[in-house]
Amino acid sequence: MKNFIKRLTSDQTGATAIEYGLILALIVLAMLSALQAFADGSITMWETISDKTAAAISG
């Protein structure tokens, strides 16, 4: 039993996959943050265009 626990704690197989998964999760979070910032800026831009167009049409 002692030998099994020693082998289990020293086993490194799968560590790379976990690291890649964590890196991927961080990249996805960064992309979502950037997309949210882009969406906020885009909405503001289109609202400004809409307001100016409505003001130009109404005279």
PDB file of N, CA and C in Angstrom:
ATOM      1  N   MET A   1       0.823  -1.196   0.000  1.00  0.00           N
ATOM      2  CA  MET A   1       0.000   0.000   0.000  1.00  0.00           C
ATOM      3  C   MET A   1       0.865   1.256   0.000  1.00  0.00           C
ATOM      4  N   LYS A   2       1.921   1.237   0.777  1.00  0.00           N
ATOM      5  CA  LYS A   2       2.820   2.381   0.856  1.00  0.00           C
ATOM      6  C   LYS A   2       3.469   2.646  -0.504  1.00  0.00           C
ATOM      7  N   ASN A   3       3.838   1.571  -1.194  1.00  0.00           N
ATOM      8  CA  ASN A   3       4.444   1.695  -2.517  1.00  0.00           C
ATOM      9  C   ASN A   3       3.449   2.291  -3.514  1.00  0.00           C
ATOM     10  N   PHE A   4       2.183   1.892  -3.430  1.00  0.00           N
ATOM     11  CA  PHE A   4       1.144   2.406  -4.330  1.00  0.00           C
ATOM     12  C   PHE A   4       0.957   3.911  -4.145  1.00  0.00           C
ATOM     13  N   ILE A   5       0.905   4.367  -2.915  1.00  0.00           N
ATOM     14  CA  ILE A   5       0.724   5.795  -2.637  1.00  0.00           C
ATOM     15  C   ILE A   5       1.933   6.589  -3.133  1.00  0.00           C
ATOM     16  N   LYS A   6       3.120   6.016  -2.959  1.00  0.00           N
ATOM     17  CA  LYS A   6       4.334   6.682  -3.434  1.00  0.00           C
ATOM     18  C   LYS A   6       4.300   6.834  -4.949  1.00  0.00           C
ATOM     19  N   ARG A   7       3.911   5.770  -5.659  1.00  0.00           N
ATOM     20  CA  ARG A   7       3.810   5.837  -7.125  1.00  0.00           C
ATOM     21  C   ARG A   7       2.719   6.816  -7.555  1.00  0.00           C
ATOM     22  N   LEU A   8       1.614   6.845  -6.838  1.00  0.00           N
ATOM     23  CA  LEU A   8       0.495   7.717  -7.187  1.00  0.00           C
ATOM     24  C   LEU A   8       0.868   9.194  -7.042  1.00  0.00           C
ATOM     25  N   THR A   9       1.583   9.530  -5.989  1.00  0.00           N
ATOM     26  CA  THR A   9       1.959  10.931  -5.772  1.00  0.00           C
ATOM     27  C   THR A   9       3.068  11.393  -6.705  1.00  0.00           C
ATOM     28  N   SER A  10       3.856  10.476  -7.238  1.00  0.00           N
ATOM     29  CA  SER A  10       4.943  10.868  -8.141  1.00  0.00           C
ATOM     30  C   SER A  10       4.537  10.776  -9.607  1.00  0.00           C
ATOM     31  N   ASP A  11       3.329  10.338  -9.886  1.00  0.00           N
ATOM     32  CA  ASP A  11       2.849  10.192 -11.264  1.00  0.00           C
ATOM     33  C   ASP A  11       2.602  11.564 -11.875  1.00  0.00           C
ATOM     34  N   GLN A  12       3.244  11.848 -13.011  1.00  0.00           N
ATOM     35  CA  GLN A  12       3.119  13.139 -13.677  1.00  0.00           C
ATOM     36  C   GLN A  12       2.363  13.048 -14.998  1.00  0.00           C
ATOM     37  N   THR A  13       1.844  11.893 -15.354  1.00  0.00           N
ATOM     38  CA  THR A  13       1.115  11.762 -16.609  1.00  0.00           C
ATOM     39  C   THR A  13      -0.185  12.546 -16.512  1.00  0.00           C
ATOM     40  N   GLY A  14      -0.464  13.297 -17.488  1.00  0.00           N
ATOM     41  CA  GLY A  14      -1.674  14.107 -17.507  1.00  0.00           C
ATOM     42  C   GLY A  14      -1.468  15.521 -17.011  1.00  0.00           C
ATOM     43  N   ALA A  15      -0.316  15.809 -16.437  1.00  0.00           N
ATOM     44  CA  ALA A  15      -0.064  17.165 -15.939  1.00  0.00           C
ATOM     45  C   ALA A  15      -0.030  18.158 -17.091  1.00  0.00           C
ATOM     46  N   THR A  16       0.531  17.762 -18.210  1.00  0.00           N
ATOM     47  CA  THR A  16       0.607  18.650 -19.363  1.00  0.00           C
ATOM     48  C   THR A  16      -0.792  18.974 -19.885  1.00  0.00           C
ATOM     49  N   ALA A  17      -1.659  17.987 -19.935  1.00  0.00           N
ATOM     50  CA  ALA A  17      -3.022  18.212 -20.409  1.00  0.00           C
ATOM     51  C   ALA A  17      -3.748  19.190 -19.494  1.00  0.00           C
ATOM     52  N   ILE A  18      -3.547  19.070 -18.209  1.00  0.00           N
ATOM     53  CA  ILE A  18      -4.182  19.994 -17.263  1.00  0.00           C
ATOM     54  C   ILE A  18      -3.641  21.404 -17.455  1.00  0.00           C
ATOM     55  N   GLU A  19      -2.328  21.516 -17.651  1.00  0.00           N
ATOM     56  CA  GLU A  19      -1.728  22.833 -17.873  1.00  0.00           C
ATOM     57  C   GLU A  19      -2.267  23.465 -19.146  1.00  0.00           C
ATOM     58  N   TYR A  20      -2.366  22.677 -20.215  1.00  0.00           N
ATOM     59  CA  TYR A  20      -2.921  23.206 -21.458  1.00  0.00           C
ATOM     60  C   TYR A  20      -4.380  23.629 -21.276  1.00  0.00           C
ATOM     61  N   GLY A  21      -5.118  22.876 -20.506  1.00  0.00           N
ATOM     62  CA  GLY A  21      -6.505  23.235 -20.236  1.00  0.00           C
ATOM     63  C   GLY A  21      -6.610  24.550 -19.478  1.00  0.00           C
ATOM     64  N   LEU A  22      -5.737  24.750 -18.497  1.00  0.00           N
ATOM     65  CA  LEU A  22      -5.744  26.007 -17.747  1.00  0.00           C
ATOM     66  C   LEU A  22      -5.344  27.184 -18.627  1.00  0.00           C
ATOM     67  N   ILE A  23      -4.348  26.988 -19.482  1.00  0.00           N
ATOM     68  CA  ILE A  23      -3.941  28.056 -20.403  1.00  0.00           C
ATOM     69  C   ILE A  23      -5.085  28.389 -21.346  1.00  0.00           C
ATOM     70  N   LEU A  24      -5.755  27.374 -21.858  1.00  0.00           N
ATOM     71  CA  LEU A  24      -6.888  27.595 -22.755  1.00  0.00           C
ATOM     72  C   LEU A  24      -8.006  28.356 -22.048  1.00  0.00           C
ATOM     73  N   ALA A  25      -8.262  28.014 -20.796  1.00  0.00           N
ATOM     74  CA  ALA A  25      -9.304  28.703 -20.033  1.00  0.00           C
ATOM     75  C   ALA A  25      -8.941  30.183 -19.855  1.00  0.00           C
ATOM     76  N   LEU A  26      -7.695  30.483 -19.585  1.00  0.00           N
ATOM     77  CA  LEU A  26      -7.268  31.880 -19.448  1.00  0.00           C
ATOM     78  C   LEU A  26      -7.390  32.633 -20.769  1.00  0.00           C
ATOM     79  N   ILE A  27      -7.061  31.980 -21.874  1.00  0.00           N
ATOM     80  CA  ILE A  27      -7.194  32.614 -23.186  1.00  0.00           C
ATOM     81  C   ILE A  27      -8.656  32.909 -23.485  1.00  0.00           C
ATOM     82  N   VAL A  28      -9.537  31.972 -23.173  1.00  0.00           N
ATOM     83  CA  VAL A  28     -10.972  32.175 -23.412  1.00  0.00           C
ATOM     84  C   VAL A  28     -11.490  33.333 -22.567  1.00  0.00           C
ATOM     85  N   LEU A  29     -11.069  33.412 -21.308  1.00  0.00           N
ATOM     86  CA  LEU A  29     -11.497  34.527 -20.458  1.00  0.00           C
ATOM     87  C   LEU A  29     -11.009  35.867 -21.006  1.00  0.00           C
ATOM     88  N   ALA A  30      -9.790  35.906 -21.498  1.00  0.00           N
ATOM     89  CA  ALA A  30      -9.265  37.140 -22.084  1.00  0.00           C
ATOM     90  C   ALA A  30     -10.052  37.516 -23.342  1.00  0.00           C
ATOM     91  N   MET A  31     -10.389  36.522 -24.143  1.00  0.00           N
ATOM     92  CA  MET A  31     -11.163  36.792 -25.359  1.00  0.00           C
ATOM     93  C   MET A  31     -12.558  37.311 -25.013  1.00  0.00           C
ATOM     94  N   LEU A  32     -13.187  36.729 -24.009  1.00  0.00           N
ATOM     95  CA  LEU A  32     -14.519  37.192 -23.615  1.00  0.00           C
ATOM     96  C   LEU A  32     -14.471  38.619 -23.074  1.00  0.00           C
ATOM     97  N   SER A  33     -13.437  38.944 -22.329  1.00  0.00           N
ATOM     98  CA  SER A  33     -13.293  40.306 -21.814  1.00  0.00           C
ATOM     99  C   SER A  33     -13.114  41.297 -22.957  1.00  0.00           C
ATOM    100  N   ALA A  34     -12.262  40.943 -23.908  1.00  0.00           N
ATOM    101  CA  ALA A  34     -12.031  41.820 -25.055  1.00  0.00           C
ATOM    102  C   ALA A  34     -13.302  41.967 -25.890  1.00  0.00           C
ATOM    103  N   LEU A  35     -14.027  40.884 -26.065  1.00  0.00           N
ATOM    104  CA  LEU A  35     -15.272  40.936 -26.838  1.00  0.00           C
ATOM    105  C   LEU A  35     -16.309  41.815 -26.149  1.00  0.00           C
ATOM    106  N   GLN A  36     -16.385  41.738 -24.834  1.00  0.00           N
ATOM    107  CA  GLN A  36     -17.323  42.577 -24.089  1.00  0.00           C
ATOM    108  C   GLN A  36     -16.972  44.048 -24.257  1.00  0.00           C
ATOM    109  N   ALA A  37     -15.684  44.374 -24.161  1.00  0.00           N
ATOM    110  CA  ALA A  37     -15.252  45.761 -24.335  1.00  0.00           C
ATOM    111  C   ALA A  37     -15.549  46.235 -25.754  1.00  0.00           C
ATOM    112  N   PHE A  38     -15.305  45.380 -26.749  1.00  0.00           N
ATOM    113  CA  PHE A  38     -15.591  45.732 -28.134  1.00  0.00           C
ATOM    114  C   PHE A  38     -17.085  45.930 -28.339  1.00  0.00           C
ATOM    115  N   ALA A  39     -17.899  45.080 -27.750  1.00  0.00           N
ATOM    116  CA  ALA A  39     -19.350  45.181 -27.902  1.00  0.00           C
ATOM    117  C   ALA A  39     -19.867  46.482 -27.293  1.00  0.00           C
ATOM    118  N   ASP A  40     -19.351  46.846 -26.125  1.00  0.00           N
ATOM    119  CA  ASP A  40     -19.778  48.101 -25.495  1.00  0.00           C
ATOM    120  C   ASP A  40     -19.437  49.298 -26.383  1.00  0.00           C
ATOM    121  N   GLY A  41     -18.236  49.307 -26.941  1.00  0.00           N
ATOM    122  CA  GLY A  41     -17.834  50.394 -27.829  1.00  0.00           C
ATOM    123  C   GLY A  41     -18.658  50.420 -29.106  1.00  0.00           C
ATOM    124  N   SER A  42     -18.951  49.255 -29.632  1.00  0.00           N
ATOM    125  CA  SER A  42     -19.732  49.163 -30.863  1.00  0.00           C
ATOM    126  C   SER A  42     -21.170  49.639 -30.637  1.00  0.00           C
ATOM    127  N   ILE A  43     -21.762  49.248 -29.524  1.00  0.00           N
ATOM    128  CA  ILE A  43     -23.130  49.687 -29.215  1.00  0.00           C
ATOM    129  C   ILE A  43     -23.190  51.200 -29.085  1.00  0.00           C
ATOM    130  N   THR A  44     -22.204  51.759 -28.396  1.00  0.00           N
ATOM    131  CA  THR A  44     -22.162  53.214 -28.242  1.00  0.00           C
ATOM    132  C   THR A  44     -22.037  53.899 -29.596  1.00  0.00           C
ATOM    133  N   MET A  45     -21.187  53.382 -30.455  1.00  0.00           N
ATOM    134  CA  MET A  45     -20.998  53.964 -31.779  1.00  0.00           C
ATOM    135  C   MET A  45     -22.307  53.931 -32.583  1.00  0.00           C
ATOM    136  N   TRP A  46     -22.990  52.788 -32.588  1.00  0.00           N
ATOM    137  CA  TRP A  46     -24.220  52.675 -33.374  1.00  0.00           C
ATOM    138  C   TRP A  46     -25.349  53.526 -32.780  1.00  0.00           C
ATOM    139  N   GLU A  47     -25.391  53.674 -31.479  1.00  0.00           N
ATOM    140  CA  GLU A  47     -26.390  54.557 -30.873  1.00  0.00           C
ATOM    141  C   GLU A  47     -26.130  56.009 -31.261  1.00  0.00           C
ATOM    142  N   THR A  48     -24.878  56.418 -31.305  1.00  0.00           N
ATOM    143  CA  THR A  48     -24.529  57.775 -31.722  1.00  0.00           C
ATOM    144  C   THR A  48     -24.924  58.009 -33.172  1.00  0.00           C
ATOM    145  N   ILE A  49     -24.637  57.035 -34.020  1.00  0.00           N
ATOM    146  CA  ILE A  49     -25.007  57.159 -35.436  1.00  0.00           C
ATOM    147  C   ILE A  49     -26.521  57.246 -35.573  1.00  0.00           C
ATOM    148  N   SER A  50     -27.236  56.427 -34.816  1.00  0.00           N
ATOM    149  CA  SER A  50     -28.693  56.446 -34.871  1.00  0.00           C
ATOM    150  C   SER A  50     -29.251  57.796 -34.410  1.00  0.00           C
ATOM    151  N   ASP A  51     -28.708  58.328 -33.326  1.00  0.00           N
ATOM    152  CA  ASP A  51     -29.166  59.630 -32.823  1.00  0.00           C
ATOM    153  C   ASP A  51     -28.900  60.739 -33.829  1.00  0.00           C
ATOM    154  N   LYS A  52     -27.715  60.737 -34.419  1.00  0.00           N
ATOM    155  CA  LYS A  52     -27.372  61.786 -35.389  1.00  0.00           C
ATOM    156  C   LYS A  52     -28.204  61.655 -36.659  1.00  0.00           C
ATOM    157  N   THR A  53     -28.493  60.435 -37.087  1.00  0.00           N
ATOM    158  CA  THR A  53     -29.326  60.233 -38.265  1.00  0.00           C
ATOM    159  C   THR A  53     -30.756  60.704 -37.983  1.00  0.00           C
ATOM    160  N   ALA A  54     -31.282  60.370 -36.823  1.00  0.00           N
ATOM    161  CA  ALA A  54     -32.631  60.804 -36.470  1.00  0.00           C
ATOM    162  C   ALA A  54     -32.701  62.321 -36.374  1.00  0.00           C
ATOM    163  N   ALA A  55     -31.660  62.946 -35.829  1.00  0.00           N
ATOM    164  CA  ALA A  55     -31.637  64.401 -35.729  1.00  0.00           C
ATOM    165  C   ALA A  55     -31.538  65.031 -37.111  1.00  0.00           C
ATOM    166  N   ALA A  56     -30.789  64.441 -38.026  1.00  0.00           N
ATOM    167  CA  ALA A  56     -30.654  64.976 -39.369  1.00  0.00           C
ATOM    168  C   ALA A  56     -31.959  64.830 -40.143  1.00  0.00           C
ATOM    169  N   ILE A  57     -32.683  63.748 -39.934  1.00  0.00           N
ATOM    170  CA  ILE A  57     -33.933  63.530 -40.646  1.00  0.00           C
ATOM    171  C   ILE A  57     -35.005  64.486 -40.138  1.00  0.00           C
ATOM    172  N   SER A  58     -35.046  64.697 -38.817  1.00  0.00           N
ATOM    173  CA  SER A  58     -36.101  65.547 -38.261  1.00  0.00           C
ATOM    174  C   SER A  58     -35.809  67.033 -38.480  1.00  0.00           C
ATOM    175  N   GLY A  59     -34.624  67.344 -38.856  1.00  0.00           N
ATOM    176  CA  GLY A  59     -34.306  68.721 -39.205  1.00  0.00           C
ATOM    177  C   GLY A  59     -33.718  69.462 -38.099  1.00  0.00           C
TER     178      GLY A  59
END
